[in-house]
Structure formats: structure tokens, C-alpha cells
Amino acid sequence: MREKLQRFMIGRYGVDRLSKDIVIASCICLILSMLFRSRLLDAVAVVLLIVSYTRMLSRNINARYNENQKYLGWLNKIRYKYEKMMRNVKEQKTHHIYKCPGCGQKIRVPRGKGKISIRCPKCQTEFIKKS
């Protein structure tokens, strides 16, 4: 039986990140459909499973690879924005960010130092702010 499956899968695309995420989305839709008793979510889950298995069993490897690469690029953009946002939230506890009135350069200043004179590293403008 295992050999039959291996022979069947020769020349097929197989499982990639996009297919896995589609299956996960389908499972989430199924769980939500059980909670809310929604036929629409049932239908969405079935369609997602069909799409996922169609991708896995496809013989057009180049097209599936390109789809996966686009998805990974999109996913990396979202992950980068999320990590940047979390870094900014974490940084707000220890630092203030001020804009230089001369050139608009963002300057990071530690919190809790009282009124301090800040010199812009770009245009050398000095301004006083509370940290």
C-alpha cells in the first residue's frame, strides 16, 4: 500500500506552507461551524480542504511553487510589521521618541532623565524636551 502511495505521489507537488495553512484555516472554520452551527462555515471549510488537496496533488510544480513563494513573501511582510510594532511597544517603556524640529529626524531618548537638551545627529539642531 505504501509503495502504491509513493508511486502515486511521484511528480506531484506535495505539502508546502500554504497548503498547511489552508488546512489549518479549514479546521478553524469547522470548529467555528460546530460552535455557531453555520452551514456557510461548513461550506467554506470544505472548499478550503478541496483547494488544499488540489494544490498537494497538482502536477504543475512551478505554479504551486510560485504561489507558495508569493504567500511566504506576504507572510514575512506581516510578520515584520508585527515584530516592529511589538518592538516599538516594548521600547516605549524605556525610551521617548522625538522628532527634530529642524529636519524631522526621529531621535530616541531614555525616559526618566528630566528636562534634557537634545542635539540632532543629522542637522545638529538643539532642542529641550522632558524625557
N, C-alpha and C. Protein backbone atom coordinates (compact mmCIF):
# COMPACT_ATOMS: atom_id res chain seq x y z
N MET A 1 0.82 -1.19 0.00
CA MET A 1 0.00 0.00 0.00
C MET A 1 0.87 1.26 0.00
N ARG A 2 1.94 1.21 0.79
CA ARG A 2 2.83 2.36 0.87
C ARG A 2 3.50 2.62 -0.47
N GLU A 3 3.88 1.55 -1.16
CA GLU A 3 4.52 1.71 -2.46
C GLU A 3 3.56 2.32 -3.47
N LYS A 4 2.28 1.94 -3.41
CA LYS A 4 1.28 2.50 -4.30
C LYS A 4 1.14 4.00 -4.08
N LEU A 5 1.13 4.39 -2.82
CA LEU A 5 1.02 5.81 -2.49
C LEU A 5 2.25 6.58 -2.97
N GLN A 6 3.42 5.98 -2.78
CA GLN A 6 4.65 6.63 -3.23
C GLN A 6 4.67 6.77 -4.75
N ARG A 7 4.24 5.74 -5.46
CA ARG A 7 4.18 5.82 -6.92
C ARG A 7 3.17 6.88 -7.37
N PHE A 8 2.05 6.95 -6.67
CA PHE A 8 1.01 7.94 -7.00
C PHE A 8 1.53 9.36 -6.81
N MET A 9 2.35 9.59 -5.78
CA MET A 9 2.82 10.94 -5.46
C MET A 9 4.02 11.37 -6.31
N ILE A 10 4.60 10.48 -7.10
CA ILE A 10 5.73 10.85 -7.96
C ILE A 10 5.26 11.88 -8.97
N GLY A 11 5.98 12.99 -9.06
CA GLY A 11 5.64 14.04 -9.99
C GLY A 11 4.56 14.98 -9.50
N ARG A 12 4.16 14.84 -8.26
CA ARG A 12 3.14 15.72 -7.69
C ARG A 12 3.82 16.72 -6.76
N TYR A 13 3.13 17.82 -6.48
CA TYR A 13 3.75 18.91 -5.73
C TYR A 13 3.95 18.57 -4.26
N GLY A 14 2.97 18.05 -3.58
CA GLY A 14 3.11 17.69 -2.18
C GLY A 14 2.68 18.83 -1.25
N VAL A 15 3.14 18.76 -0.01
CA VAL A 15 2.69 19.69 1.03
C VAL A 15 3.71 20.82 1.17
N ASP A 16 3.21 22.05 1.21
CA ASP A 16 4.06 23.22 1.49
C ASP A 16 3.37 24.07 2.56
N ARG A 17 3.95 25.21 2.86
CA ARG A 17 3.44 26.06 3.93
C ARG A 17 2.03 26.57 3.64
N LEU A 18 1.79 26.96 2.39
CA LEU A 18 0.46 27.45 2.01
C LEU A 18 -0.60 26.36 2.18
N SER A 19 -0.28 25.16 1.75
CA SER A 19 -1.24 24.05 1.90
C SER A 19 -1.52 23.76 3.37
N LYS A 20 -0.48 23.77 4.19
CA LYS A 20 -0.67 23.53 5.62
C LYS A 20 -1.56 24.61 6.24
N ASP A 21 -1.31 25.87 5.87
CA ASP A 21 -2.09 26.96 6.44
C ASP A 21 -3.54 26.93 5.96
N ILE A 22 -3.76 26.47 4.72
CA ILE A 22 -5.13 26.33 4.22
C ILE A 22 -5.85 25.24 5.01
N VAL A 23 -5.17 24.13 5.31
CA VAL A 23 -5.79 23.06 6.09
C VAL A 23 -6.10 23.57 7.51
N ILE A 24 -5.19 24.35 8.10
CA ILE A 24 -5.43 24.91 9.43
C ILE A 24 -6.64 25.84 9.40
N ALA A 25 -6.74 26.68 8.36
CA ALA A 25 -7.90 27.58 8.22
C ALA A 25 -9.19 26.77 8.08
N SER A 26 -9.11 25.66 7.36
CA SER A 26 -10.27 24.80 7.21
C SER A 26 -10.70 24.20 8.56
N CYS A 27 -9.73 23.77 9.35
CA CYS A 27 -10.05 23.21 10.67
C CYS A 27 -10.67 24.28 11.58
N ILE A 28 -10.16 25.50 11.50
CA ILE A 28 -10.72 26.59 12.29
C ILE A 28 -12.17 26.85 11.87
N CYS A 29 -12.42 26.83 10.55
CA CYS A 29 -13.79 27.02 10.06
C CYS A 29 -14.71 25.90 10.54
N LEU A 30 -14.19 24.67 10.56
CA LEU A 30 -15.01 23.55 11.04
C LEU A 30 -15.35 23.70 12.52
N ILE A 31 -14.38 24.11 13.32
CA ILE A 31 -14.63 24.30 14.75
C ILE A 31 -15.65 25.43 14.97
N LEU A 32 -15.47 26.53 14.23
CA LEU A 32 -16.41 27.63 14.35
C LEU A 32 -17.81 27.24 13.88
N SER A 33 -17.88 26.42 12.84
CA SER A 33 -19.19 25.98 12.36
C SER A 33 -19.88 25.08 13.38
N MET A 34 -19.12 24.31 14.13
CA MET A 34 -19.72 23.49 15.19
C MET A 34 -20.23 24.37 16.33
N LEU A 35 -19.49 25.43 16.64
CA LEU A 35 -19.90 26.33 17.72
C LEU A 35 -21.11 27.17 17.35
N PHE A 36 -21.12 27.69 16.12
CA PHE A 36 -22.18 28.60 15.70
C PHE A 36 -23.23 27.95 14.82
N ARG A 37 -23.07 26.67 14.52
CA ARG A 37 -24.00 25.92 13.68
C ARG A 37 -24.29 26.66 12.37
N SER A 38 -23.22 26.93 11.66
CA SER A 38 -23.33 27.70 10.42
C SER A 38 -23.02 26.81 9.22
N ARG A 39 -23.96 26.74 8.31
CA ARG A 39 -23.76 25.97 7.07
C ARG A 39 -22.73 26.67 6.18
N LEU A 40 -22.69 27.98 6.24
CA LEU A 40 -21.74 28.73 5.43
C LEU A 40 -20.30 28.38 5.82
N LEU A 41 -20.03 28.31 7.12
CA LEU A 41 -18.68 27.94 7.57
C LEU A 41 -18.35 26.50 7.20
N ASP A 42 -19.35 25.63 7.22
CA ASP A 42 -19.13 24.25 6.75
C ASP A 42 -18.70 24.26 5.28
N ALA A 43 -19.41 25.03 4.48
CA ALA A 43 -19.09 25.08 3.05
C ALA A 43 -17.70 25.68 2.82
N VAL A 44 -17.36 26.73 3.56
CA VAL A 44 -16.04 27.34 3.42
C VAL A 44 -14.95 26.33 3.79
N ALA A 45 -15.17 25.57 4.87
CA ALA A 45 -14.19 24.57 5.30
C ALA A 45 -13.99 23.51 4.23
N VAL A 46 -15.06 23.04 3.63
CA VAL A 46 -14.96 22.02 2.59
C VAL A 46 -14.23 22.57 1.37
N VAL A 47 -14.55 23.79 0.98
CA VAL A 47 -13.89 24.40 -0.19
C VAL A 47 -12.39 24.55 0.10
N LEU A 48 -12.04 24.99 1.31
CA LEU A 48 -10.62 25.13 1.66
C LEU A 48 -9.90 23.79 1.61
N LEU A 49 -10.54 22.74 2.09
CA LEU A 49 -9.92 21.41 2.02
C LEU A 49 -9.72 20.96 0.57
N ILE A 50 -10.71 21.22 -0.26
CA ILE A 50 -10.59 20.85 -1.67
C ILE A 50 -9.44 21.60 -2.33
N VAL A 51 -9.34 22.90 -2.03
CA VAL A 51 -8.24 23.70 -2.60
C VAL A 51 -6.89 23.17 -2.13
N SER A 52 -6.80 22.85 -0.85
CA SER A 52 -5.54 22.36 -0.30
C SER A 52 -5.12 21.04 -0.95
N TYR A 53 -6.05 20.10 -1.05
CA TYR A 53 -5.71 18.82 -1.65
C TYR A 53 -5.46 18.94 -3.14
N THR A 54 -6.14 19.85 -3.80
CA THR A 54 -5.87 20.09 -5.22
C THR A 54 -4.45 20.59 -5.40
N ARG A 55 -4.02 21.50 -4.52
CA ARG A 55 -2.64 22.00 -4.59
C ARG A 55 -1.64 20.87 -4.33
N MET A 56 -1.91 20.04 -3.32
CA MET A 56 -0.98 18.97 -2.96
C MET A 56 -0.84 17.93 -4.07
N LEU A 57 -1.91 17.65 -4.77
CA LEU A 57 -1.89 16.60 -5.78
C LEU A 57 -1.61 17.14 -7.19
N SER A 58 -1.36 18.42 -7.30
CA SER A 58 -1.12 19.04 -8.60
C SER A 58 0.20 18.57 -9.20
N ARG A 59 0.20 18.47 -10.52
CA ARG A 59 1.44 18.14 -11.24
C ARG A 59 2.15 19.39 -11.76
N ASN A 60 1.51 20.54 -11.64
CA ASN A 60 2.10 21.80 -12.08
C ASN A 60 2.96 22.36 -10.94
N ILE A 61 4.14 21.82 -10.81
CA ILE A 61 5.01 22.13 -9.67
C ILE A 61 5.46 23.59 -9.69
N ASN A 62 5.78 24.12 -10.86
CA ASN A 62 6.26 25.51 -10.93
C ASN A 62 5.20 26.50 -10.47
N ALA A 63 3.96 26.31 -10.88
CA ALA A 63 2.89 27.22 -10.47
C ALA A 63 2.65 27.14 -8.97
N ARG A 64 2.63 25.91 -8.42
CA ARG A 64 2.42 25.77 -6.96
C ARG A 64 3.59 26.37 -6.18
N TYR A 65 4.81 26.21 -6.70
CA TYR A 65 5.98 26.78 -6.04
C TYR A 65 5.89 28.31 -6.02
N ASN A 66 5.50 28.89 -7.16
CA ASN A 66 5.38 30.35 -7.24
C ASN A 66 4.29 30.87 -6.30
N GLU A 67 3.16 30.14 -6.22
CA GLU A 67 2.09 30.53 -5.29
C GLU A 67 2.61 30.52 -3.86
N ASN A 68 3.36 29.49 -3.51
CA ASN A 68 3.89 29.37 -2.16
C ASN A 68 4.89 30.49 -1.86
N GLN A 69 5.72 30.84 -2.84
CA GLN A 69 6.70 31.91 -2.64
C GLN A 69 6.00 33.26 -2.44
N LYS A 70 4.96 33.53 -3.19
CA LYS A 70 4.19 34.77 -3.00
C LYS A 70 3.57 34.79 -1.61
N TYR A 71 3.02 33.66 -1.19
CA TYR A 71 2.41 33.58 0.14
C TYR A 71 3.44 33.80 1.23
N LEU A 72 4.62 33.19 1.08
CA LEU A 72 5.67 33.36 2.08
C LEU A 72 6.16 34.81 2.14
N GLY A 73 6.24 35.47 0.98
CA GLY A 73 6.61 36.89 0.97
C GLY A 73 5.59 37.74 1.69
N TRP A 74 4.32 37.48 1.43
CA TRP A 74 3.23 38.20 2.10
C TRP A 74 3.26 37.94 3.60
N LEU A 75 3.48 36.69 3.98
CA LEU A 75 3.54 36.32 5.39
C LEU A 75 4.72 36.99 6.09
N ASN A 76 5.86 37.07 5.42
CA ASN A 76 7.03 37.72 6.01
C ASN A 76 6.80 39.22 6.19
N LYS A 77 6.09 39.87 5.27
CA LYS A 77 5.78 41.28 5.44
C LYS A 77 4.91 41.50 6.68
N ILE A 78 3.91 40.67 6.85
CA ILE A 78 3.03 40.79 8.02
C ILE A 78 3.81 40.52 9.29
N ARG A 79 4.66 39.49 9.28
CA ARG A 79 5.45 39.15 10.46
C ARG A 79 6.41 40.30 10.81
N TYR A 80 7.02 40.91 9.80
CA TYR A 80 7.93 42.03 10.03
C TYR A 80 7.20 43.22 10.65
N LYS A 81 6.02 43.54 10.12
CA LYS A 81 5.24 44.66 10.68
C LYS A 81 4.82 44.37 12.12
N TYR A 82 4.42 43.15 12.41
CA TYR A 82 4.03 42.78 13.77
C TYR A 82 5.22 42.88 14.72
N GLU A 83 6.37 42.35 14.31
CA GLU A 83 7.56 42.41 15.16
C GLU A 83 8.01 43.85 15.39
N LYS A 84 7.90 44.68 14.37
CA LYS A 84 8.26 46.09 14.50
C LYS A 84 7.32 46.78 15.49
N MET A 85 6.03 46.50 15.38
CA MET A 85 5.06 47.09 16.29
C MET A 85 5.33 46.65 17.74
N MET A 86 5.63 45.37 17.94
CA MET A 86 5.91 44.86 19.28
C MET A 86 7.20 45.46 19.83
N ARG A 87 8.19 45.65 18.98
CA ARG A 87 9.45 46.27 19.40
C ARG A 87 9.21 47.72 19.84
N ASN A 88 8.36 48.44 19.09
CA ASN A 88 8.03 49.81 19.45
C ASN A 88 7.27 49.89 20.76
N VAL A 89 6.35 48.97 20.98
CA VAL A 89 5.60 48.95 22.24
C VAL A 89 6.53 48.67 23.40
N LYS A 90 7.43 47.73 23.23
CA LYS A 90 8.39 47.39 24.29
C LYS A 90 9.35 48.55 24.55
N GLU A 91 9.73 49.25 23.49
CA GLU A 91 10.68 50.36 23.60
C GLU A 91 10.05 51.58 24.28
N GLN A 92 8.73 51.75 24.17
CA GLN A 92 8.06 52.90 24.77
C GLN A 92 8.17 52.90 26.29
N LYS A 93 8.41 51.75 26.88
CA LYS A 93 8.55 51.68 28.34
C LYS A 93 9.86 52.30 28.81
N THR A 94 10.88 52.29 27.97
CA THR A 94 12.19 52.75 28.40
C THR A 94 12.68 54.00 27.68
N HIS A 95 12.06 54.36 26.54
CA HIS A 95 12.55 55.49 25.75
C HIS A 95 11.40 56.33 25.21
N HIS A 96 11.69 57.61 24.96
CA HIS A 96 10.80 58.51 24.22
C HIS A 96 11.36 58.65 22.82
N ILE A 97 10.49 58.89 21.87
CA ILE A 97 10.92 59.17 20.50
C ILE A 97 10.45 60.60 20.19
N TYR A 98 11.38 61.47 19.85
CA TYR A 98 11.07 62.85 19.48
C TYR A 98 11.50 63.09 18.05
N LYS A 99 10.82 64.04 17.41
CA LYS A 99 11.21 64.47 16.06
C LYS A 99 11.98 65.77 16.17
N CYS A 100 13.03 65.86 15.43
CA CYS A 100 13.83 67.08 15.39
C CYS A 100 12.99 68.18 14.72
N PRO A 101 12.90 69.36 15.34
CA PRO A 101 12.12 70.43 14.71
C PRO A 101 12.77 70.97 13.44
N GLY A 102 14.06 70.74 13.28
CA GLY A 102 14.76 71.24 12.11
C GLY A 102 14.60 70.38 10.88
N CYS A 103 14.87 69.08 11.04
CA CYS A 103 14.89 68.20 9.86
C CYS A 103 13.86 67.07 9.92
N GLY A 104 13.23 66.86 11.07
CA GLY A 104 12.22 65.81 11.18
C GLY A 104 12.79 64.44 11.52
N GLN A 105 14.09 64.35 11.76
CA GLN A 105 14.74 63.09 12.12
C GLN A 105 14.17 62.59 13.46
N LYS A 106 13.89 61.30 13.55
CA LYS A 106 13.43 60.72 14.81
C LYS A 106 14.64 60.46 15.71
N ILE A 107 14.50 60.85 16.99
CA ILE A 107 15.60 60.70 17.94
C ILE A 107 15.06 59.96 19.15
N ARG A 108 15.77 58.94 19.57
CA ARG A 108 15.38 58.13 20.71
C ARG A 108 16.12 58.62 21.95
N VAL A 109 15.34 58.91 23.02
CA VAL A 109 15.90 59.47 24.25
C VAL A 109 15.42 58.61 25.41
N PRO A 110 16.31 58.26 26.37
CA PRO A 110 15.88 57.45 27.51
C PRO A 110 14.89 58.21 28.40
N ARG A 111 13.96 57.48 28.99
CA ARG A 111 12.97 58.07 29.90
C ARG A 111 13.58 58.35 31.27
N GLY A 112 12.94 59.25 32.00
CA GLY A 112 13.27 59.48 33.40
C GLY A 112 14.49 60.33 33.66
N LYS A 113 14.92 61.13 32.72
CA LYS A 113 16.11 61.97 32.91
C LYS A 113 15.73 63.43 33.17
N GLY A 114 14.44 63.76 33.24
CA GLY A 114 14.01 65.13 33.44
C GLY A 114 14.12 65.93 32.15
N LYS A 115 14.22 67.27 32.27
CA LYS A 115 14.39 68.11 31.08
C LYS A 115 15.82 67.98 30.60
N ILE A 116 15.95 67.65 29.31
CA ILE A 116 17.30 67.48 28.77
C ILE A 116 17.40 68.22 27.44
N SER A 117 18.61 68.57 27.11
CA SER A 117 18.91 69.20 25.83
C SER A 117 19.27 68.08 24.85
N ILE A 118 18.57 68.06 23.73
CA ILE A 118 18.78 67.01 22.74
C ILE A 118 19.39 67.64 21.50
N ARG A 119 20.46 67.04 21.01
CA ARG A 119 21.11 67.52 19.78
C ARG A 119 20.84 66.50 18.68
N CYS A 120 20.31 66.98 17.59
CA CYS A 120 20.02 66.12 16.45
C CYS A 120 21.33 65.68 15.82
N PRO A 121 21.53 64.38 15.62
CA PRO A 121 22.77 63.91 15.00
C PRO A 121 22.86 64.24 13.50
N LYS A 122 21.73 64.55 12.90
CA LYS A 122 21.72 64.80 11.46
C LYS A 122 22.01 66.28 11.13
N CYS A 123 21.27 67.20 11.81
CA CYS A 123 21.41 68.62 11.46
C CYS A 123 22.01 69.46 12.59
N GLN A 124 22.34 68.83 13.72
CA GLN A 124 22.97 69.48 14.88
C GLN A 124 22.07 70.52 15.56
N THR A 125 20.77 70.51 15.30
CA THR A 125 19.85 71.41 15.97
C THR A 125 19.68 70.96 17.42
N GLU A 126 19.71 71.91 18.37
CA GLU A 126 19.48 71.58 19.78
C GLU A 126 18.10 72.02 20.18
N PHE A 127 17.42 71.17 20.95
CA PHE A 127 16.10 71.50 21.48
C PHE A 127 15.96 70.85 22.84
N ILE A 128 15.08 71.39 23.68
CA ILE A 128 14.91 70.91 25.04
C ILE A 128 13.56 70.21 25.14
N LYS A 129 13.60 69.01 25.71
CA LYS A 129 12.39 68.20 25.91
C LYS A 129 12.46 67.51 27.24
N LYS A 130 11.30 67.11 27.76
CA LYS A 130 11.24 66.35 29.01
C LYS A 130 11.28 64.86 28.63
N SER A 131 12.17 64.14 29.29
CA SER A 131 12.31 62.73 28.94
C SER A 131 11.50 61.82 29.81
